[in-house]
Amino acid sequence: MLRGIIRGHIVSTKKQDSLVGSKFMEVQIMKNGELTDEYLIAVDSVGAGINEEVLITTGSSARLALHNANAPCDAVIVGIVD
C-alpha cells in the first residue's frame, strides 16, 4: 500500500464502461512520512476529498477493491487516514 495526499481531481468525460461513475483523483505520494515529487492517478472508492491523507492499493489488488476483477485500474484509494 501507498500513502499520499489528494491534490486534485481528474475530469474524464469518456471512460471505459467498467469505470463509469468512478471518481479519479490525483495523489501526491508520501515516503517515510515525507511528501515526494511523485504523483499518481487513483480511483476513489471511499469518497475522499482534496488535501486528505489517503491509503492507496495498487496492482491486481486495486481491481479487487473495486469489486470488478476486469476493471482496467491499477490504483484505488481504499482508506482515509485520520
PDB file of N, CA and C in Angstrom:
ATOM      1  N   MET A   1       0.839  -1.188   0.000  1.00  0.00           N
ATOM      2  CA  MET A   1       0.000   0.000   0.000  1.00  0.00           C
ATOM      3  C   MET A   1       0.875   1.238   0.000  1.00  0.00           C
ATOM      4  N   LEU A   2       0.289   2.288  -0.517  1.00  0.00           N
ATOM      5  CA  LEU A   2       0.952   3.587  -0.547  1.00  0.00           C
ATOM      6  C   LEU A   2       0.158   4.578   0.293  1.00  0.00           C
ATOM      7  N   ARG A   3       0.834   5.626   0.729  1.00  0.00           N
ATOM      8  CA  ARG A   3       0.176   6.710   1.447  1.00  0.00           C
ATOM      9  C   ARG A   3       0.399   7.985   0.663  1.00  0.00           C
ATOM     10  N   GLY A   4      -0.602   8.863   0.641  1.00  0.00           N
ATOM     11  CA  GLY A   4      -0.452  10.101  -0.110  1.00  0.00           C
ATOM     12  C   GLY A   4      -1.484  11.137   0.281  1.00  0.00           C
ATOM     13  N   ILE A   5      -1.369  12.307  -0.346  1.00  0.00           N
ATOM     14  CA  ILE A   5      -2.278  13.430  -0.137  1.00  0.00           C
ATOM     15  C   ILE A   5      -2.983  13.719  -1.458  1.00  0.00           C
ATOM     16  N   ILE A   6      -4.301  13.838  -1.408  1.00  0.00           N
ATOM     17  CA  ILE A   6      -5.054  14.159  -2.623  1.00  0.00           C
ATOM     18  C   ILE A   6      -4.815  15.621  -2.975  1.00  0.00           C
ATOM     19  N   ARG A   7      -4.386  15.865  -4.208  1.00  0.00           N
ATOM     20  CA  ARG A   7      -4.079  17.216  -4.672  1.00  0.00           C
ATOM     21  C   ARG A   7      -5.097  17.754  -5.662  1.00  0.00           C
ATOM     22  N   GLY A   8      -5.902  16.889  -6.255  1.00  0.00           N
ATOM     23  CA  GLY A   8      -6.894  17.362  -7.210  1.00  0.00           C
ATOM     24  C   GLY A   8      -7.694  16.209  -7.765  1.00  0.00           C
ATOM     25  N   HIS A   9      -8.680  16.555  -8.561  1.00  0.00           N
ATOM     26  CA  HIS A   9      -9.482  15.525  -9.218  1.00  0.00           C
ATOM     27  C   HIS A   9      -9.269  15.629 -10.728  1.00  0.00           C
ATOM     28  N   ILE A  10      -9.500  14.537 -11.398  1.00  0.00           N
ATOM     29  CA  ILE A  10      -9.318  14.455 -12.837  1.00  0.00           C
ATOM     30  C   ILE A  10     -10.695  14.311 -13.477  1.00  0.00           C
ATOM     31  N   VAL A  11     -11.010  15.202 -14.393  1.00  0.00           N
ATOM     32  CA  VAL A  11     -12.287  15.148 -15.097  1.00  0.00           C
ATOM     33  C   VAL A  11     -12.108  14.320 -16.366  1.00  0.00           C
ATOM     34  N   SER A  12     -12.983  13.354 -16.540  1.00  0.00           N
ATOM     35  CA  SER A  12     -12.935  12.492 -17.714  1.00  0.00           C
ATOM     36  C   SER A  12     -14.352  12.357 -18.263  1.00  0.00           C
ATOM     37  N   THR A  13     -14.579  12.944 -19.405  1.00  0.00           N
ATOM     38  CA  THR A  13     -15.929  12.896 -19.971  1.00  0.00           C
ATOM     39  C   THR A  13     -16.247  11.547 -20.606  1.00  0.00           C
ATOM     40  N   LYS A  14     -15.223  10.798 -20.982  1.00  0.00           N
ATOM     41  CA  LYS A  14     -15.406   9.452 -21.538  1.00  0.00           C
ATOM     42  C   LYS A  14     -14.536   8.499 -20.741  1.00  0.00           C
ATOM     43  N   LYS A  15     -15.117   7.354 -20.356  1.00  0.00           N
ATOM     44  CA  LYS A  15     -14.385   6.346 -19.600  1.00  0.00           C
ATOM     45  C   LYS A  15     -14.725   4.973 -20.153  1.00  0.00           C
ATOM     46  N   GLN A  16     -13.865   4.023 -19.886  1.00  0.00           N
ATOM     47  CA  GLN A  16     -14.152   2.630 -20.190  1.00  0.00           C
ATOM     48  C   GLN A  16     -15.392   2.259 -19.377  1.00  0.00           C
ATOM     49  N   ASP A  17     -16.268   1.457 -19.935  1.00  0.00           N
ATOM     50  CA  ASP A  17     -17.572   1.169 -19.338  1.00  0.00           C
ATOM     51  C   ASP A  17     -17.508   0.754 -17.870  1.00  0.00           C
ATOM     52  N   SER A  18     -16.536  -0.057 -17.487  1.00  0.00           N
ATOM     53  CA  SER A  18     -16.480  -0.532 -16.100  1.00  0.00           C
ATOM     54  C   SER A  18     -16.056   0.553 -15.119  1.00  0.00           C
ATOM     55  N   LEU A  19     -15.604   1.705 -15.624  1.00  0.00           N
ATOM     56  CA  LEU A  19     -15.190   2.807 -14.751  1.00  0.00           C
ATOM     57  C   LEU A  19     -16.185   3.963 -14.726  1.00  0.00           C
ATOM     58  N   VAL A  20     -17.270   3.848 -15.471  1.00  0.00           N
ATOM     59  CA  VAL A  20     -18.289   4.900 -15.468  1.00  0.00           C
ATOM     60  C   VAL A  20     -18.823   5.047 -14.050  1.00  0.00           C
ATOM     61  N   GLY A  21     -18.900   6.278 -13.570  1.00  0.00           N
ATOM     62  CA  GLY A  21     -19.346   6.545 -12.207  1.00  0.00           C
ATOM     63  C   GLY A  21     -18.216   6.634 -11.207  1.00  0.00           C
ATOM     64  N   SER A  22     -17.004   6.282 -11.613  1.00  0.00           N
ATOM     65  CA  SER A  22     -15.845   6.354 -10.728  1.00  0.00           C
ATOM     66  C   SER A  22     -15.264   7.762 -10.742  1.00  0.00           C
ATOM     67  N   LYS A  23     -14.705   8.166  -9.598  1.00  0.00           N
ATOM     68  CA  LYS A  23     -14.073   9.474  -9.471  1.00  0.00           C
ATOM     69  C   LYS A  23     -12.557   9.264  -9.473  1.00  0.00           C
ATOM     70  N   PHE A  24     -11.846   9.981 -10.344  1.00  0.00           N
ATOM     71  CA  PHE A  24     -10.389   9.890 -10.427  1.00  0.00           C
ATOM     72  C   PHE A  24      -9.755  11.038  -9.648  1.00  0.00           C
ATOM     73  N   MET A  25      -8.751  10.711  -8.831  1.00  0.00           N
ATOM     74  CA  MET A  25      -8.073  11.706  -8.018  1.00  0.00           C
ATOM     75  C   MET A  25      -6.571  11.693  -8.301  1.00  0.00           C
ATOM     76  N   GLU A  26      -5.951  12.876  -8.260  1.00  0.00           N
ATOM     77  CA  GLU A  26      -4.508  12.993  -8.374  1.00  0.00           C
ATOM     78  C   GLU A  26      -3.929  12.992  -6.961  1.00  0.00           C
ATOM     79  N   VAL A  27      -3.008  12.069  -6.706  1.00  0.00           N
ATOM     80  CA  VAL A  27      -2.466  11.882  -5.361  1.00  0.00           C
ATOM     81  C   VAL A  27      -0.955  12.091  -5.366  1.00  0.00           C
ATOM     82  N   GLN A  28      -0.488  12.925  -4.421  1.00  0.00           N
ATOM     83  CA  GLN A  28       0.950  13.111  -4.222  1.00  0.00           C
ATOM     84  C   GLN A  28       1.411  12.060  -3.216  1.00  0.00           C
ATOM     85  N   ILE A  29       2.396  11.257  -3.594  1.00  0.00           N
ATOM     86  CA  ILE A  29       2.840  10.113  -2.797  1.00  0.00           C
ATOM     87  C   ILE A  29       3.750  10.557  -1.654  1.00  0.00           C
ATOM     88  N   MET A  30       3.604   9.873  -0.514  1.00  0.00           N
ATOM     89  CA  MET A  30       4.465  10.084   0.653  1.00  0.00           C
ATOM     90  C   MET A  30       5.355   8.859   0.839  1.00  0.00           C
ATOM     91  N   LYS A  31       6.587   9.096   1.272  1.00  0.00           N
ATOM     92  CA  LYS A  31       7.504   8.020   1.640  1.00  0.00           C
ATOM     93  C   LYS A  31       8.189   8.418   2.933  1.00  0.00           C
ATOM     94  N   ASN A  32       8.224   7.506   3.880  1.00  0.00           N
ATOM     95  CA  ASN A  32       8.817   7.768   5.189  1.00  0.00           C
ATOM     96  C   ASN A  32       8.238   9.027   5.830  1.00  0.00           C
ATOM     97  N   GLY A  33       6.952   9.257   5.652  1.00  0.00           N
ATOM     98  CA  GLY A  33       6.286  10.395   6.266  1.00  0.00           C
ATOM     99  C   GLY A  33       6.512  11.728   5.589  1.00  0.00           C
ATOM    100  N   GLU A  34       7.236  11.738   4.478  1.00  0.00           N
ATOM    101  CA  GLU A  34       7.542  12.975   3.751  1.00  0.00           C
ATOM    102  C   GLU A  34       6.941  12.933   2.353  1.00  0.00           C
ATOM    103  N   LEU A  35       6.443  14.070   1.898  1.00  0.00           N
ATOM    104  CA  LEU A  35       5.917  14.151   0.531  1.00  0.00           C
ATOM    105  C   LEU A  35       7.051  14.033  -0.471  1.00  0.00           C
ATOM    106  N   THR A  36       6.778  13.360  -1.581  1.00  0.00           N
ATOM    107  CA  THR A  36       7.754  13.229  -2.657  1.00  0.00           C
ATOM    108  C   THR A  36       7.273  14.046  -3.859  1.00  0.00           C
ATOM    109  N   ASP A  37       8.043  14.013  -4.929  1.00  0.00           N
ATOM    110  CA  ASP A  37       7.647  14.664  -6.180  1.00  0.00           C
ATOM    111  C   ASP A  37       6.855  13.708  -7.072  1.00  0.00           C
ATOM    112  N   GLU A  38       6.479  12.551  -6.560  1.00  0.00           N
ATOM    113  CA  GLU A  38       5.753  11.546  -7.331  1.00  0.00           C
ATOM    114  C   GLU A  38       4.247  11.734  -7.172  1.00  0.00           C
ATOM    115  N   TYR A  39       3.544  11.588  -8.277  1.00  0.00           N
ATOM    116  CA  TYR A  39       2.086  11.673  -8.291  1.00  0.00           C
ATOM    117  C   TYR A  39       1.532  10.455  -9.010  1.00  0.00           C
ATOM    118  N   LEU A  40       0.299  10.076  -8.678  1.00  0.00           N
ATOM    119  CA  LEU A  40      -0.391   9.055  -9.452  1.00  0.00           C
ATOM    120  C   LEU A  40      -1.875   9.376  -9.490  1.00  0.00           C
ATOM    121  N   ILE A  41      -2.545   8.759 -10.424  1.00  0.00           N
ATOM    122  CA  ILE A  41      -3.990   8.901 -10.548  1.00  0.00           C
ATOM    123  C   ILE A  41      -4.616   7.626  -9.978  1.00  0.00           C
ATOM    124  N   ALA A  42      -5.580   7.801  -9.061  1.00  0.00           N
ATOM    125  CA  ALA A  42      -6.226   6.652  -8.427  1.00  0.00           C
ATOM    126  C   ALA A  42      -7.736   6.827  -8.447  1.00  0.00           C
ATOM    127  N   VAL A  43      -8.438   5.718  -8.539  1.00  0.00           N
ATOM    128  CA  VAL A  43      -9.897   5.724  -8.433  1.00  0.00           C
ATOM    129  C   VAL A  43     -10.246   5.844  -6.953  1.00  0.00           C
ATOM    130  N   ASP A  44     -11.173   6.738  -6.625  1.00  0.00           N
ATOM    131  CA  ASP A  44     -11.594   6.950  -5.251  1.00  0.00           C
ATOM    132  C   ASP A  44     -12.759   6.030  -4.910  1.00  0.00           C
ATOM    133  N   SER A  45     -12.546   5.112  -3.969  1.00  0.00           N
ATOM    134  CA  SER A  45     -13.618   4.194  -3.572  1.00  0.00           C
ATOM    135  C   SER A  45     -14.204   4.532  -2.201  1.00  0.00           C
ATOM    136  N   VAL A  46     -13.707   5.624  -1.580  1.00  0.00           N
ATOM    137  CA  VAL A  46     -14.143   5.943  -0.213  1.00  0.00           C
ATOM    138  C   VAL A  46     -14.699   7.358  -0.053  1.00  0.00           C
ATOM    139  N   GLY A  47     -14.748   8.137  -1.109  1.00  0.00           N
ATOM    140  CA  GLY A  47     -15.280   9.500  -1.012  1.00  0.00           C
ATOM    141  C   GLY A  47     -14.326  10.489  -0.394  1.00  0.00           C
ATOM    142  N   ALA A  48     -13.050  10.340  -0.659  1.00  0.00           N
ATOM    143  CA  ALA A  48     -12.037  11.250  -0.115  1.00  0.00           C
ATOM    144  C   ALA A  48     -12.078  12.598  -0.832  1.00  0.00           C
ATOM    145  N   GLY A  49     -11.541  13.624  -0.167  1.00  0.00           N
ATOM    146  CA  GLY A  49     -11.546  14.968  -0.733  1.00  0.00           C
ATOM    147  C   GLY A  49     -10.147  15.553  -0.848  1.00  0.00           C
ATOM    148  N   ILE A  50     -10.082  16.719  -1.460  1.00  0.00           N
ATOM    149  CA  ILE A  50      -8.816  17.424  -1.670  1.00  0.00           C
ATOM    150  C   ILE A  50      -8.117  17.655  -0.328  1.00  0.00           C
ATOM    151  N   ASN A  51      -6.803  17.464  -0.312  1.00  0.00           N
ATOM    152  CA  ASN A  51      -5.911  17.646   0.840  1.00  0.00           C
ATOM    153  C   ASN A  51      -6.085  16.605   1.939  1.00  0.00           C
ATOM    154  N   GLU A  52      -6.861  15.552   1.695  1.00  0.00           N
ATOM    155  CA  GLU A  52      -6.957  14.481   2.683  1.00  0.00           C
ATOM    156  C   GLU A  52      -5.828  13.477   2.461  1.00  0.00           C
ATOM    157  N   GLU A  53      -5.353  12.912   3.570  1.00  0.00           N
ATOM    158  CA  GLU A  53      -4.338  11.875   3.505  1.00  0.00           C
ATOM    159  C   GLU A  53      -5.042  10.539   3.308  1.00  0.00           C
ATOM    160  N   VAL A  54      -4.576   9.764   2.343  1.00  0.00           N
ATOM    161  CA  VAL A  54      -5.269   8.538   1.960  1.00  0.00           C
ATOM    162  C   VAL A  54      -4.312   7.354   1.844  1.00  0.00           C
ATOM    163  N   LEU A  55      -4.906   6.161   1.859  1.00  0.00           N
ATOM    164  CA  LEU A  55      -4.189   4.919   1.595  1.00  0.00           C
ATOM    165  C   LEU A  55      -4.609   4.416   0.228  1.00  0.00           C
ATOM    166  N   ILE A  56      -3.633   3.934  -0.527  1.00  0.00           N
ATOM    167  CA  ILE A  56      -3.872   3.504  -1.903  1.00  0.00           C
ATOM    168  C   ILE A  56      -3.346   2.084  -2.065  1.00  0.00           C
ATOM    169  N   THR A  57      -4.148   1.248  -2.689  1.00  0.00           N
ATOM    170  CA  THR A  57      -3.678  -0.082  -3.064  1.00  0.00           C
ATOM    171  C   THR A  57      -3.438  -0.083  -4.573  1.00  0.00           C
ATOM    172  N   THR A  58      -2.454  -0.852  -5.001  1.00  0.00           N
ATOM    173  CA  THR A  58      -2.086  -0.865  -6.415  1.00  0.00           C
ATOM    174  C   THR A  58      -2.034  -2.301  -6.937  1.00  0.00           C
ATOM    175  N   GLY A  59      -1.917  -2.407  -8.239  1.00  0.00           N
ATOM    176  CA  GLY A  59      -1.796  -3.710  -8.882  1.00  0.00           C
ATOM    177  C   GLY A  59      -3.116  -4.449  -8.929  1.00  0.00           C
ATOM    178  N   SER A  60      -3.050  -5.776  -8.928  1.00  0.00           N
ATOM    179  CA  SER A  60      -4.267  -6.575  -9.049  1.00  0.00           C
ATOM    180  C   SER A  60      -5.192  -6.374  -7.857  1.00  0.00           C
ATOM    181  N   SER A  61      -4.659  -6.006  -6.695  1.00  0.00           N
ATOM    182  CA  SER A  61      -5.497  -5.728  -5.524  1.00  0.00           C
ATOM    183  C   SER A  61      -6.413  -4.539  -5.761  1.00  0.00           C
ATOM    184  N   ALA A  62      -5.998  -3.611  -6.612  1.00  0.00           N
ATOM    185  CA  ALA A  62      -6.825  -2.437  -6.899  1.00  0.00           C
ATOM    186  C   ALA A  62      -8.129  -2.852  -7.581  1.00  0.00           C
ATOM    187  N   ARG A  63      -8.038  -3.752  -8.520  1.00  0.00           N
ATOM    188  CA  ARG A  63      -9.260  -4.219  -9.194  1.00  0.00           C
ATOM    189  C   ARG A  63     -10.192  -4.917  -8.214  1.00  0.00           C
ATOM    190  N   LEU A  64      -9.627  -5.653  -7.282  1.00  0.00           N
ATOM    191  CA  LEU A  64     -10.452  -6.331  -6.283  1.00  0.00           C
ATOM    192  C   LEU A  64     -11.143  -5.326  -5.363  1.00  0.00           C
ATOM    193  N   ALA A  65     -10.471  -4.210  -5.071  1.00  0.00           N
ATOM    194  CA  ALA A  65     -11.074  -3.172  -4.228  1.00  0.00           C
ATOM    195  C   ALA A  65     -12.290  -2.554  -4.904  1.00  0.00           C
ATOM    196  N   LEU A  66     -12.308  -2.576  -6.228  1.00  0.00           N
ATOM    197  CA  LEU A  66     -13.453  -2.047  -6.978  1.00  0.00           C
ATOM    198  C   LEU A  66     -14.543  -3.094  -7.156  1.00  0.00           C
ATOM    199  N   HIS A  67     -14.309  -4.311  -6.684  1.00  0.00           N
ATOM    200  CA  HIS A  67     -15.242  -5.428  -6.844  1.00  0.00           C
ATOM    201  C   HIS A  67     -15.497  -5.734  -8.317  1.00  0.00           C
ATOM    202  N   ASN A  68     -14.464  -5.493  -9.137  1.00  0.00           N
ATOM    203  CA  ASN A  68     -14.561  -5.794 -10.560  1.00  0.00           C
ATOM    204  C   ASN A  68     -13.169  -6.211 -11.049  1.00  0.00           C
ATOM    205  N   ALA A  69     -12.931  -7.492 -11.076  1.00  0.00           N
ATOM    206  CA  ALA A  69     -11.613  -8.004 -11.454  1.00  0.00           C
ATOM    207  C   ALA A  69     -11.240  -7.699 -12.890  1.00  0.00           C
ATOM    208  N   ASN A  70     -12.195  -7.235 -13.697  1.00  0.00           N
ATOM    209  CA  ASN A  70     -11.912  -6.917 -15.091  1.00  0.00           C
ATOM    210  C   ASN A  70     -11.724  -5.418 -15.350  1.00  0.00           C
ATOM    211  N   ALA A  71     -11.827  -4.592 -14.315  1.00  0.00           N
ATOM    212  CA  ALA A  71     -11.671  -3.139 -14.495  1.00  0.00           C
ATOM    213  C   ALA A  71     -10.216  -2.815 -14.827  1.00  0.00           C
ATOM    214  N   PRO A  72      -9.990  -1.933 -15.807  1.00  0.00           N
ATOM    215  CA  PRO A  72      -8.625  -1.558 -16.178  1.00  0.00           C
ATOM    216  C   PRO A  72      -8.094  -0.487 -15.216  1.00  0.00           C
ATOM    217  N   CYS A  73      -7.749  -0.907 -14.012  1.00  0.00           N
ATOM    218  CA  CYS A  73      -7.356   0.030 -12.968  1.00  0.00           C
ATOM    219  C   CYS A  73      -6.194  -0.561 -12.185  1.00  0.00           C
ATOM    220  N   ASP A  74      -5.186   0.261 -11.879  1.00  0.00           N
ATOM    221  CA  ASP A  74      -4.076  -0.260 -11.080  1.00  0.00           C
ATOM    222  C   ASP A  74      -3.796   0.564  -9.829  1.00  0.00           C
ATOM    223  N   ALA A  75      -4.677   1.504  -9.464  1.00  0.00           N
ATOM    224  CA  ALA A  75      -4.527   2.255  -8.215  1.00  0.00           C
ATOM    225  C   ALA A  75      -5.915   2.690  -7.726  1.00  0.00           C
ATOM    226  N   VAL A  76      -6.226   2.323  -6.460  1.00  0.00           N
ATOM    227  CA  VAL A  76      -7.523   2.663  -5.873  1.00  0.00           C
ATOM    228  C   VAL A  76      -7.306   3.188  -4.460  1.00  0.00           C
ATOM    229  N   ILE A  77      -7.980   4.295  -4.144  1.00  0.00           N
ATOM    230  CA  ILE A  77      -7.962   4.831  -2.788  1.00  0.00           C
ATOM    231  C   ILE A  77      -8.891   3.963  -1.955  1.00  0.00           C
ATOM    232  N   VAL A  78      -8.338   3.347  -0.887  1.00  0.00           N
ATOM    233  CA  VAL A  78      -9.108   2.406  -0.080  1.00  0.00           C
ATOM    234  C   VAL A  78      -9.294   2.877   1.358  1.00  0.00           C
ATOM    235  N   GLY A  79      -8.699   3.994   1.740  1.00  0.00           N
ATOM    236  CA  GLY A  79      -8.861   4.478   3.102  1.00  0.00           C
ATOM    237  C   GLY A  79      -8.476   5.934   3.235  1.00  0.00           C
ATOM    238  N   ILE A  80      -9.089   6.587   4.240  1.00  0.00           N
ATOM    239  CA  ILE A  80      -8.745   7.963   4.601  1.00  0.00           C
ATOM    240  C   ILE A  80      -8.056   7.900   5.958  1.00  0.00           C
ATOM    241  N   VAL A  81      -6.879   8.499   6.071  1.00  0.00           N
ATOM    242  CA  VAL A  81      -6.106   8.487   7.311  1.00  0.00           C
ATOM    243  C   VAL A  81      -6.654   9.564   8.250  1.00  0.00           C
ATOM    244  N   ASP A  82      -6.941   9.158   9.490  1.00  0.00           N
ATOM    245  CA  ASP A  82      -7.460  10.113  10.486  1.00  0.00           C
ATOM    246  C   ASP A  82      -6.339  10.955  11.075  1.00  0.00           C
TER     247      ASP A  82
END
